[in-house]
Amino acid sequence: MQLEFSGEVWQWRGPAPYYFVTVPEDESQALHDVAHVSYGWGMIPVTACLGGTEWTTSLWPKDGGYVVPLKDAVRRAEDVQEGDTVSVGLDVRVDD
């Protein structure tokens, strides 16, 4: 399953700062409907793409939807800051 969407980069200010993009509601519902493979706390393994950078990660469940964690290396490579609106592509590994 492949998805593409835009969203704003936001920061969770925990013990170490983490940056995320929230998957929109419609796309989150589509993920919930088909992504039966998950591990640890409902995370869904994906290959993500932002600009010219591709990486493997897992979607985190949050507030009934999902968020995409942005690694520091990805943010640096694509010059992405908190508050920027970015386009994210996801290749979701789905078991049939």
PDB file of N, CA and C in Angstrom:
ATOM      1  N   MET A   1       0.858  -1.173   0.000  1.00  0.00           N
ATOM      2  CA  MET A   1       0.000   0.000   0.000  1.00  0.00           C
ATOM      3  C   MET A   1       0.899   1.230   0.000  1.00  0.00           C
ATOM      4  N   GLN A   2       0.605   2.178  -0.878  1.00  0.00           N
ATOM      5  CA  GLN A   2       1.373   3.415  -0.932  1.00  0.00           C
ATOM      6  C   GLN A   2       0.458   4.606  -0.670  1.00  0.00           C
ATOM      7  N   LEU A   3       0.958   5.527   0.135  1.00  0.00           N
ATOM      8  CA  LEU A   3       0.218   6.740   0.482  1.00  0.00           C
ATOM      9  C   LEU A   3       1.123   7.944   0.303  1.00  0.00           C
ATOM     10  N   GLU A   4       0.524   9.079  -0.001  1.00  0.00           N
ATOM     11  CA  GLU A   4       1.265  10.336  -0.032  1.00  0.00           C
ATOM     12  C   GLU A   4       0.365  11.410   0.565  1.00  0.00           C
ATOM     13  N   PHE A   5       0.948  12.262   1.396  1.00  0.00           N
ATOM     14  CA  PHE A   5       0.184  13.315   2.052  1.00  0.00           C
ATOM     15  C   PHE A   5       1.127  14.428   2.474  1.00  0.00           C
ATOM     16  N   SER A   6       0.561  15.554   2.837  1.00  0.00           N
ATOM     17  CA  SER A   6       1.330  16.682   3.367  1.00  0.00           C
ATOM     18  C   SER A   6       0.920  16.937   4.799  1.00  0.00           C
ATOM     19  N   GLY A   7       1.855  17.426   5.589  1.00  0.00           N
ATOM     20  CA  GLY A   7       1.566  17.744   6.973  1.00  0.00           C
ATOM     21  C   GLY A   7       2.647  18.634   7.558  1.00  0.00           C
ATOM     22  N   GLU A   8       2.347  19.186   8.713  1.00  0.00           N
ATOM     23  CA  GLU A   8       3.276  20.076   9.399  1.00  0.00           C
ATOM     24  C   GLU A   8       4.178  19.288  10.339  1.00  0.00           C
ATOM     25  N   VAL A   9       5.451  19.643  10.339  1.00  0.00           N
ATOM     26  CA  VAL A   9       6.416  19.021  11.245  1.00  0.00           C
ATOM     27  C   VAL A   9       6.215  19.606  12.639  1.00  0.00           C
ATOM     28  N   TRP A  10       6.083  18.718  13.633  1.00  0.00           N
ATOM     29  CA  TRP A  10       5.928  19.171  15.015  1.00  0.00           C
ATOM     30  C   TRP A  10       6.895  18.411  15.908  1.00  0.00           C
ATOM     31  N   GLN A  11       7.174  19.008  17.050  1.00  0.00           N
ATOM     32  CA  GLN A  11       8.148  18.438  17.974  1.00  0.00           C
ATOM     33  C   GLN A  11       7.478  17.989  19.260  1.00  0.00           C
ATOM     34  N   TRP A  12       7.843  16.780  19.700  1.00  0.00           N
ATOM     35  CA  TRP A  12       7.464  16.307  21.025  1.00  0.00           C
ATOM     36  C   TRP A  12       8.673  16.568  21.911  1.00  0.00           C
ATOM     37  N   ARG A  13       8.484  17.338  22.928  1.00  0.00           N
ATOM     38  CA  ARG A  13       9.601  17.753  23.767  1.00  0.00           C
ATOM     39  C   ARG A  13       9.725  16.862  25.000  1.00  0.00           C
ATOM     40  N   GLY A  14      10.131  15.636  24.751  1.00  0.00           N
ATOM     41  CA  GLY A  14      10.372  14.708  25.852  1.00  0.00           C
ATOM     42  C   GLY A  14      11.804  14.832  26.321  1.00  0.00           C
ATOM     43  N   PRO A  15      12.311  13.792  26.957  1.00  0.00           N
ATOM     44  CA  PRO A  15      13.698  13.820  27.408  1.00  0.00           C
ATOM     45  C   PRO A  15      14.666  14.080  26.255  1.00  0.00           C
ATOM     46  N   ALA A  16      14.355  13.567  25.078  1.00  0.00           N
ATOM     47  CA  ALA A  16      15.099  13.891  23.865  1.00  0.00           C
ATOM     48  C   ALA A  16      14.061  14.397  22.869  1.00  0.00           C
ATOM     49  N   PRO A  17      14.372  15.448  22.121  1.00  0.00           N
ATOM     50  CA  PRO A  17      13.347  15.948  21.182  1.00  0.00           C
ATOM     51  C   PRO A  17      13.123  14.960  20.037  1.00  0.00           C
ATOM     52  N   TYR A  18      11.862  14.755  19.724  1.00  0.00           N
ATOM     53  CA  TYR A  18      11.471  13.930  18.588  1.00  0.00           C
ATOM     54  C   TYR A  18      10.604  14.785  17.676  1.00  0.00           C
ATOM     55  N   TYR A  19      10.739  14.568  16.367  1.00  0.00           N
ATOM     56  CA  TYR A  19       9.965  15.317  15.379  1.00  0.00           C
ATOM     57  C   TYR A  19       9.077  14.352  14.607  1.00  0.00           C
ATOM     58  N   PHE A  20       7.866  14.807  14.291  1.00  0.00           N
ATOM     59  CA  PHE A  20       6.872  13.962  13.642  1.00  0.00           C
ATOM     60  C   PHE A  20       6.086  14.746  12.597  1.00  0.00           C
ATOM     61  N   VAL A  21       5.420  14.005  11.716  1.00  0.00           N
ATOM     62  CA  VAL A  21       4.376  14.524  10.836  1.00  0.00           C
ATOM     63  C   VAL A  21       3.168  13.637  11.076  1.00  0.00           C
ATOM     64  N   THR A  22       2.020  14.241  11.319  1.00  0.00           N
ATOM     65  CA  THR A  22       0.786  13.488  11.569  1.00  0.00           C
ATOM     66  C   THR A  22       0.184  13.013  10.255  1.00  0.00           C
ATOM     67  N   VAL A  23      -0.163  11.732  10.203  1.00  0.00           N
ATOM     68  CA  VAL A  23      -0.857  11.171   9.042  1.00  0.00           C
ATOM     69  C   VAL A  23      -2.299  11.674   9.105  1.00  0.00           C
ATOM     70  N   PRO A  24      -2.819  12.282   8.015  1.00  0.00           N
ATOM     71  CA  PRO A  24      -4.207  12.779   8.042  1.00  0.00           C
ATOM     72  C   PRO A  24      -5.221  11.678   8.351  1.00  0.00           C
ATOM     73  N   GLU A  25      -6.399  12.097   8.790  1.00  0.00           N
ATOM     74  CA  GLU A  25      -7.438  11.173   9.252  1.00  0.00           C
ATOM     75  C   GLU A  25      -7.820  10.130   8.208  1.00  0.00           C
ATOM     76  N   ASP A  26      -8.070  10.533   6.967  1.00  0.00           N
ATOM     77  CA  ASP A  26      -8.483   9.566   5.936  1.00  0.00           C
ATOM     78  C   ASP A  26      -7.402   8.514   5.692  1.00  0.00           C
ATOM     79  N   GLU A  27      -6.145   8.959   5.604  1.00  0.00           N
ATOM     80  CA  GLU A  27      -5.038   8.038   5.382  1.00  0.00           C
ATOM     81  C   GLU A  27      -4.834   7.136   6.603  1.00  0.00           C
ATOM     82  N   SER A  28      -5.013   7.685   7.805  1.00  0.00           N
ATOM     83  CA  SER A  28      -4.902   6.869   9.022  1.00  0.00           C
ATOM     84  C   SER A  28      -5.962   5.777   9.036  1.00  0.00           C
ATOM     85  N   GLN A  29      -7.173   6.103   8.608  1.00  0.00           N
ATOM     86  CA  GLN A  29      -8.242   5.104   8.556  1.00  0.00           C
ATOM     87  C   GLN A  29      -7.910   4.019   7.545  1.00  0.00           C
ATOM     88  N   ALA A  30      -7.382   4.413   6.386  1.00  0.00           N
ATOM     89  CA  ALA A  30      -6.992   3.426   5.373  1.00  0.00           C
ATOM     90  C   ALA A  30      -5.905   2.503   5.918  1.00  0.00           C
ATOM     91  N   LEU A  31      -4.953   3.060   6.643  1.00  0.00           N
ATOM     92  CA  LEU A  31      -3.899   2.246   7.261  1.00  0.00           C
ATOM     93  C   LEU A  31      -4.491   1.269   8.263  1.00  0.00           C
ATOM     94  N   HIS A  32      -5.379   1.764   9.087  1.00  0.00           N
ATOM     95  CA  HIS A  32      -6.004   0.924  10.101  1.00  0.00           C
ATOM     96  C   HIS A  32      -6.770  -0.232   9.453  1.00  0.00           C
ATOM     97  N   ASP A  33      -7.404   0.040   8.311  1.00  0.00           N
ATOM     98  CA  ASP A  33      -8.214  -0.974   7.639  1.00  0.00           C
ATOM     99  C   ASP A  33      -7.387  -2.090   7.010  1.00  0.00           C
ATOM    100  N   VAL A  34      -6.165  -1.787   6.549  1.00  0.00           N
ATOM    101  CA  VAL A  34      -5.401  -2.791   5.793  1.00  0.00           C
ATOM    102  C   VAL A  34      -4.101  -3.238   6.436  1.00  0.00           C
ATOM    103  N   ALA A  35      -3.538  -2.467   7.309  1.00  0.00           N
ATOM    104  CA  ALA A  35      -2.224  -2.801   7.876  1.00  0.00           C
ATOM    105  C   ALA A  35      -2.387  -3.696   9.097  1.00  0.00           C
ATOM    106  N   HIS A  36      -2.530  -4.968   8.845  1.00  0.00           N
ATOM    107  CA  HIS A  36      -2.739  -5.907   9.931  1.00  0.00           C
ATOM    108  C   HIS A  36      -1.427  -6.340  10.573  1.00  0.00           C
ATOM    109  N   VAL A  37      -0.319  -6.035   9.917  1.00  0.00           N
ATOM    110  CA  VAL A  37       0.984  -6.369  10.469  1.00  0.00           C
ATOM    111  C   VAL A  37       1.466  -5.186  11.273  1.00  0.00           C
ATOM    112  N   SER A  38       1.636  -5.392  12.536  1.00  0.00           N
ATOM    113  CA  SER A  38       2.210  -4.359  13.386  1.00  0.00           C
ATOM    114  C   SER A  38       3.006  -5.044  14.477  1.00  0.00           C
ATOM    115  N   TYR A  39       3.776  -4.275  15.162  1.00  0.00           N
ATOM    116  CA  TYR A  39       4.526  -4.829  16.273  1.00  0.00           C
ATOM    117  C   TYR A  39       4.625  -3.770  17.354  1.00  0.00           C
ATOM    118  N   GLY A  40       4.886  -4.204  18.558  1.00  0.00           N
ATOM    119  CA  GLY A  40       5.111  -3.311  19.673  1.00  0.00           C
ATOM    120  C   GLY A  40       4.225  -2.081  19.716  1.00  0.00           C
ATOM    121  N   TRP A  41       3.191  -2.101  20.492  1.00  0.00           N
ATOM    122  CA  TRP A  41       2.315  -0.954  20.744  1.00  0.00           C
ATOM    123  C   TRP A  41       1.570  -0.486  19.503  1.00  0.00           C
ATOM    124  N   GLY A  42       1.321  -1.356  18.540  1.00  0.00           N
ATOM    125  CA  GLY A  42       0.537  -1.006  17.370  1.00  0.00           C
ATOM    126  C   GLY A  42       1.297  -0.250  16.295  1.00  0.00           C
ATOM    127  N   MET A  43       2.616  -0.284  16.359  1.00  0.00           N
ATOM    128  CA  MET A  43       3.417   0.393  15.332  1.00  0.00           C
ATOM    129  C   MET A  43       3.330  -0.370  14.015  1.00  0.00           C
ATOM    130  N   ILE A  44       3.398   0.372  12.908  1.00  0.00           N
ATOM    131  CA  ILE A  44       3.298  -0.224  11.575  1.00  0.00           C
ATOM    132  C   ILE A  44       4.597   0.057  10.821  1.00  0.00           C
ATOM    133  N   PRO A  45       5.319  -0.987  10.386  1.00  0.00           N
ATOM    134  CA  PRO A  45       6.573  -0.783   9.646  1.00  0.00           C
ATOM    135  C   PRO A  45       6.310  -0.217   8.254  1.00  0.00           C
ATOM    136  N   VAL A  46       7.109   0.786   7.865  1.00  0.00           N
ATOM    137  CA  VAL A  46       6.966   1.440   6.564  1.00  0.00           C
ATOM    138  C   VAL A  46       8.337   1.825   6.020  1.00  0.00           C
ATOM    139  N   THR A  47       8.360   2.111   4.729  1.00  0.00           N
ATOM    140  CA  THR A  47       9.458   2.843   4.119  1.00  0.00           C
ATOM    141  C   THR A  47       8.889   4.221   3.822  1.00  0.00           C
ATOM    142  N   ALA A  48       9.554   5.250   4.324  1.00  0.00           N
ATOM    143  CA  ALA A  48       9.071   6.620   4.168  1.00  0.00           C
ATOM    144  C   ALA A  48       9.987   7.375   3.216  1.00  0.00           C
ATOM    145  N   CYS A  49       9.426   8.403   2.579  1.00  0.00           N
ATOM    146  CA  CYS A  49      10.188   9.238   1.657  1.00  0.00           C
ATOM    147  C   CYS A  49       9.793  10.693   1.882  1.00  0.00           C
ATOM    148  N   LEU A  50      10.793  11.545   2.020  1.00  0.00           N
ATOM    149  CA  LEU A  50      10.582  12.985   2.142  1.00  0.00           C
ATOM    150  C   LEU A  50      11.619  13.634   1.244  1.00  0.00           C
ATOM    151  N   GLY A  51      11.167  14.348   0.226  1.00  0.00           N
ATOM    152  CA  GLY A  51      12.112  14.902  -0.752  1.00  0.00           C
ATOM    153  C   GLY A  51      12.867  13.770  -1.423  1.00  0.00           C
ATOM    154  N   GLY A  52      14.188  13.855  -1.427  1.00  0.00           N
ATOM    155  CA  GLY A  52      15.013  12.813  -2.028  1.00  0.00           C
ATOM    156  C   GLY A  52      15.524  11.797  -1.032  1.00  0.00           C
ATOM    157  N   THR A  53      15.025  11.825   0.194  1.00  0.00           N
ATOM    158  CA  THR A  53      15.510  10.937   1.251  1.00  0.00           C
ATOM    159  C   THR A  53      14.486   9.857   1.559  1.00  0.00           C
ATOM    160  N   GLU A  54      14.952   8.617   1.564  1.00  0.00           N
ATOM    161  CA  GLU A  54      14.099   7.470   1.884  1.00  0.00           C
ATOM    162  C   GLU A  54      14.699   6.749   3.083  1.00  0.00           C
ATOM    163  N   TRP A  55      13.837   6.285   3.995  1.00  0.00           N
ATOM    164  CA  TRP A  55      14.314   5.569   5.179  1.00  0.00           C
ATOM    165  C   TRP A  55      13.243   4.610   5.674  1.00  0.00           C
ATOM    166  N   THR A  56      13.681   3.618   6.438  1.00  0.00           N
ATOM    167  CA  THR A  56      12.742   2.695   7.053  1.00  0.00           C
ATOM    168  C   THR A  56      12.456   3.180   8.469  1.00  0.00           C
ATOM    169  N   THR A  57      11.197   3.052   8.852  1.00  0.00           N
ATOM    170  CA  THR A  57      10.762   3.493  10.166  1.00  0.00           C
ATOM    171  C   THR A  57       9.460   2.762  10.492  1.00  0.00           C
ATOM    172  N   SER A  58       8.811   3.186  11.533  1.00  0.00           N
ATOM    173  CA  SER A  58       7.496   2.642  11.890  1.00  0.00           C
ATOM    174  C   SER A  58       6.577   3.791  12.251  1.00  0.00           C
ATOM    175  N   LEU A  59       5.330   3.692  11.817  1.00  0.00           N
ATOM    176  CA  LEU A  59       4.319   4.672  12.205  1.00  0.00           C
ATOM    177  C   LEU A  59       3.950   4.424  13.652  1.00  0.00           C
ATOM    178  N   TRP A  60       3.829   5.481  14.411  1.00  0.00           N
ATOM    179  CA  TRP A  60       3.443   5.385  15.822  1.00  0.00           C
ATOM    180  C   TRP A  60       1.961   5.692  15.938  1.00  0.00           C
ATOM    181  N   PRO A  61       1.203   4.892  16.689  1.00  0.00           N
ATOM    182  CA  PRO A  61      -0.205   5.239  16.911  1.00  0.00           C
ATOM    183  C   PRO A  61      -0.298   6.435  17.855  1.00  0.00           C
ATOM    184  N   LYS A  62      -1.209   7.365  17.537  1.00  0.00           N
ATOM    185  CA  LYS A  62      -1.416   8.530  18.396  1.00  0.00           C
ATOM    186  C   LYS A  62      -2.817   9.074  18.164  1.00  0.00           C
ATOM    187  N   ASP A  63      -3.580   9.205  19.235  1.00  0.00           N
ATOM    188  CA  ASP A  63      -4.910   9.819  19.197  1.00  0.00           C
ATOM    189  C   ASP A  63      -5.816   9.196  18.135  1.00  0.00           C
ATOM    190  N   GLY A  64      -5.781   7.877  17.988  1.00  0.00           N
ATOM    191  CA  GLY A  64      -6.638   7.185  17.032  1.00  0.00           C
ATOM    192  C   GLY A  64      -6.115   7.198  15.613  1.00  0.00           C
ATOM    193  N   GLY A  65      -4.982   7.826  15.371  1.00  0.00           N
ATOM    194  CA  GLY A  65      -4.361   7.871  14.042  1.00  0.00           C
ATOM    195  C   GLY A  65      -2.915   7.432  14.149  1.00  0.00           C
ATOM    196  N   TYR A  66      -2.081   7.972  13.269  1.00  0.00           N
ATOM    197  CA  TYR A  66      -0.667   7.611  13.239  1.00  0.00           C
ATOM    198  C   TYR A  66       0.181   8.848  13.006  1.00  0.00           C
ATOM    199  N   VAL A  67       1.437   8.760  13.444  1.00  0.00           N
ATOM    200  CA  VAL A  67       2.416   9.809  13.170  1.00  0.00           C
ATOM    201  C   VAL A  67       3.675   9.173  12.599  1.00  0.00           C
ATOM    202  N   VAL A  68       4.376   9.932  11.743  1.00  0.00           N
ATOM    203  CA  VAL A  68       5.621   9.491  11.127  1.00  0.00           C
ATOM    204  C   VAL A  68       6.774  10.159  11.870  1.00  0.00           C
ATOM    205  N   PRO A  69       7.666   9.385  12.489  1.00  0.00           N
ATOM    206  CA  PRO A  69       8.827   9.998  13.124  1.00  0.00           C
ATOM    207  C   PRO A  69       9.849  10.413  12.068  1.00  0.00           C
ATOM    208  N   LEU A  70      10.409  11.608  12.226  1.00  0.00           N
ATOM    209  CA  LEU A  70      11.427  12.109  11.303  1.00  0.00           C
ATOM    210  C   LEU A  70      12.785  12.038  11.974  1.00  0.00           C
ATOM    211  N   LYS A  71      13.658  11.201  11.455  1.00  0.00           N
ATOM    212  CA  LYS A  71      15.006  11.082  11.996  1.00  0.00           C
ATOM    213  C   LYS A  71      15.763  12.400  11.789  1.00  0.00           C
ATOM    214  N   ASP A  72      16.689  12.685  12.699  1.00  0.00           N
ATOM    215  CA  ASP A  72      17.511  13.889  12.565  1.00  0.00           C
ATOM    216  C   ASP A  72      18.234  13.925  11.227  1.00  0.00           C
ATOM    217  N   ALA A  73      18.756  12.773  10.790  1.00  0.00           N
ATOM    218  CA  ALA A  73      19.484  12.727   9.515  1.00  0.00           C
ATOM    219  C   ALA A  73      18.582  13.115   8.347  1.00  0.00           C
ATOM    220  N   VAL A  74      17.323  12.732   8.398  1.00  0.00           N
ATOM    221  CA  VAL A  74      16.363  13.081   7.340  1.00  0.00           C
ATOM    222  C   VAL A  74      16.088  14.585   7.366  1.00  0.00           C
ATOM    223  N   ARG A  75      15.844  15.113   8.558  1.00  0.00           N
ATOM    224  CA  ARG A  75      15.558  16.547   8.676  1.00  0.00           C
ATOM    225  C   ARG A  75      16.749  17.387   8.209  1.00  0.00           C
ATOM    226  N   ARG A  76      17.952  16.964   8.557  1.00  0.00           N
ATOM    227  CA  ARG A  76      19.148  17.704   8.111  1.00  0.00           C
ATOM    228  C   ARG A  76      19.309  17.617   6.595  1.00  0.00           C
ATOM    229  N   ALA A  77      19.167  16.409   6.045  1.00  0.00           N
ATOM    230  CA  ALA A  77      19.350  16.201   4.601  1.00  0.00           C
ATOM    231  C   ALA A  77      18.361  17.018   3.780  1.00  0.00           C
ATOM    232  N   GLU A  78      17.145  17.184   4.296  1.00  0.00           N
ATOM    233  CA  GLU A  78      16.093  17.886   3.560  1.00  0.00           C
ATOM    234  C   GLU A  78      15.864  19.308   4.075  1.00  0.00           C
ATOM    235  N   ASP A  79      16.684  19.762   5.031  1.00  0.00           N
ATOM    236  CA  ASP A  79      16.588  21.102   5.610  1.00  0.00           C
ATOM    237  C   ASP A  79      15.166  21.388   6.104  1.00  0.00           C
ATOM    238  N   VAL A  80      14.668  20.472   6.938  1.00  0.00           N
ATOM    239  CA  VAL A  80      13.304  20.559   7.470  1.00  0.00           C
ATOM    240  C   VAL A  80      13.358  21.000   8.930  1.00  0.00           C
ATOM    241  N   GLN A  81      12.512  21.962   9.270  1.00  0.00           N
ATOM    242  CA  GLN A  81      12.441  22.498  10.624  1.00  0.00           C
ATOM    243  C   GLN A  81      11.021  22.326  11.172  1.00  0.00           C
ATOM    244  N   GLU A  82      10.899  22.436  12.479  1.00  0.00           N
ATOM    245  CA  GLU A  82       9.585  22.424  13.114  1.00  0.00           C
ATOM    246  C   GLU A  82       8.720  23.517  12.491  1.00  0.00           C
ATOM    247  N   GLY A  83       7.467  23.186  12.181  1.00  0.00           N
ATOM    248  CA  GLY A  83       6.534  24.140  11.585  1.00  0.00           C
ATOM    249  C   GLY A  83       6.485  24.103  10.071  1.00  0.00           C
ATOM    250  N   ASP A  84       7.477  23.469   9.428  1.00  0.00           N
ATOM    251  CA  ASP A  84       7.462  23.343   7.968  1.00  0.00           C
ATOM    252  C   ASP A  84       6.354  22.380   7.546  1.00  0.00           C
ATOM    253  N   THR A  85       5.746  22.647   6.400  1.00  0.00           N
ATOM    254  CA  THR A  85       4.803  21.705   5.796  1.00  0.00           C
ATOM    255  C   THR A  85       5.575  20.897   4.763  1.00  0.00           C
ATOM    256  N   VAL A  86       5.503  19.577   4.884  1.00  0.00           N
ATOM    257  CA  VAL A  86       6.268  18.686   4.013  1.00  0.00           C
ATOM    258  C   VAL A  86       5.344  17.658   3.374  1.00  0.00           C
ATOM    259  N   SER A  87       5.785  17.106   2.250  1.00  0.00           N
ATOM    260  CA  SER A  87       5.089  15.988   1.602  1.00  0.00           C
ATOM    261  C   SER A  87       5.816  14.712   1.962  1.00  0.00           C
ATOM    262  N   VAL A  88       5.055  13.729   2.413  1.00  0.00           N
ATOM    263  CA  VAL A  88       5.611  12.450   2.859  1.00  0.00           C
ATOM    264  C   VAL A  88       4.990  11.335   2.026  1.00  0.00           C
ATOM    265  N   GLY A  89       5.816  10.434   1.556  1.00  0.00           N
ATOM    266  CA  GLY A  89       5.347   9.225   0.895  1.00  0.00           C
ATOM    267  C   GLY A  89       5.586   8.038   1.798  1.00  0.00           C
ATOM    268  N   LEU A  90       4.656   7.112   1.824  1.00  0.00           N
ATOM    269  CA  LEU A  90       4.787   5.912   2.641  1.00  0.00           C
ATOM    270  C   LEU A  90       4.554   4.677   1.792  1.00  0.00           C
ATOM    271  N   ASP A  91       5.409   3.702   1.953  1.00  0.00           N
ATOM    272  CA  ASP A  91       5.216   2.376   1.369  1.00  0.00           C
ATOM    273  C   ASP A  91       5.008   1.465   2.571  1.00  0.00           C
ATOM    274  N   VAL A  92       3.758   1.050   2.741  1.00  0.00           N
ATOM    275  CA  VAL A  92       3.354   0.283   3.922  1.00  0.00           C
ATOM    276  C   VAL A  92       3.415  -1.195   3.593  1.00  0.00           C
ATOM    277  N   ARG A  93       4.089  -1.947   4.430  1.00  0.00           N
ATOM    278  CA  ARG A  93       4.188  -3.402   4.250  1.00  0.00           C
ATOM    279  C   ARG A  93       2.910  -4.040   4.784  1.00  0.00           C
ATOM    280  N   VAL A  94       2.094  -4.547   3.895  1.00  0.00           N
ATOM    281  CA  VAL A  94       0.791  -5.102   4.266  1.00  0.00           C
ATOM    282  C   VAL A  94       0.781  -6.600   3.958  1.00  0.00           C
ATOM    283  N   ASP A  95       0.354  -7.405   4.930  1.00  0.00           N
ATOM    284  CA  ASP A  95       0.144  -8.840   4.682  1.00  0.00           C
ATOM    285  C   ASP A  95      -1.243  -9.038   4.100  1.00  0.00           C
ATOM    286  N   ASP A  96      -1.335  -9.816   3.048  1.00  0.00           N
ATOM    287  CA  ASP A  96      -2.642 -10.092   2.434  1.00  0.00           C
ATOM    288  C   ASP A  96      -3.291 -11.288   3.063  1.00  0.00           C
TER     289      ASP A  96
END
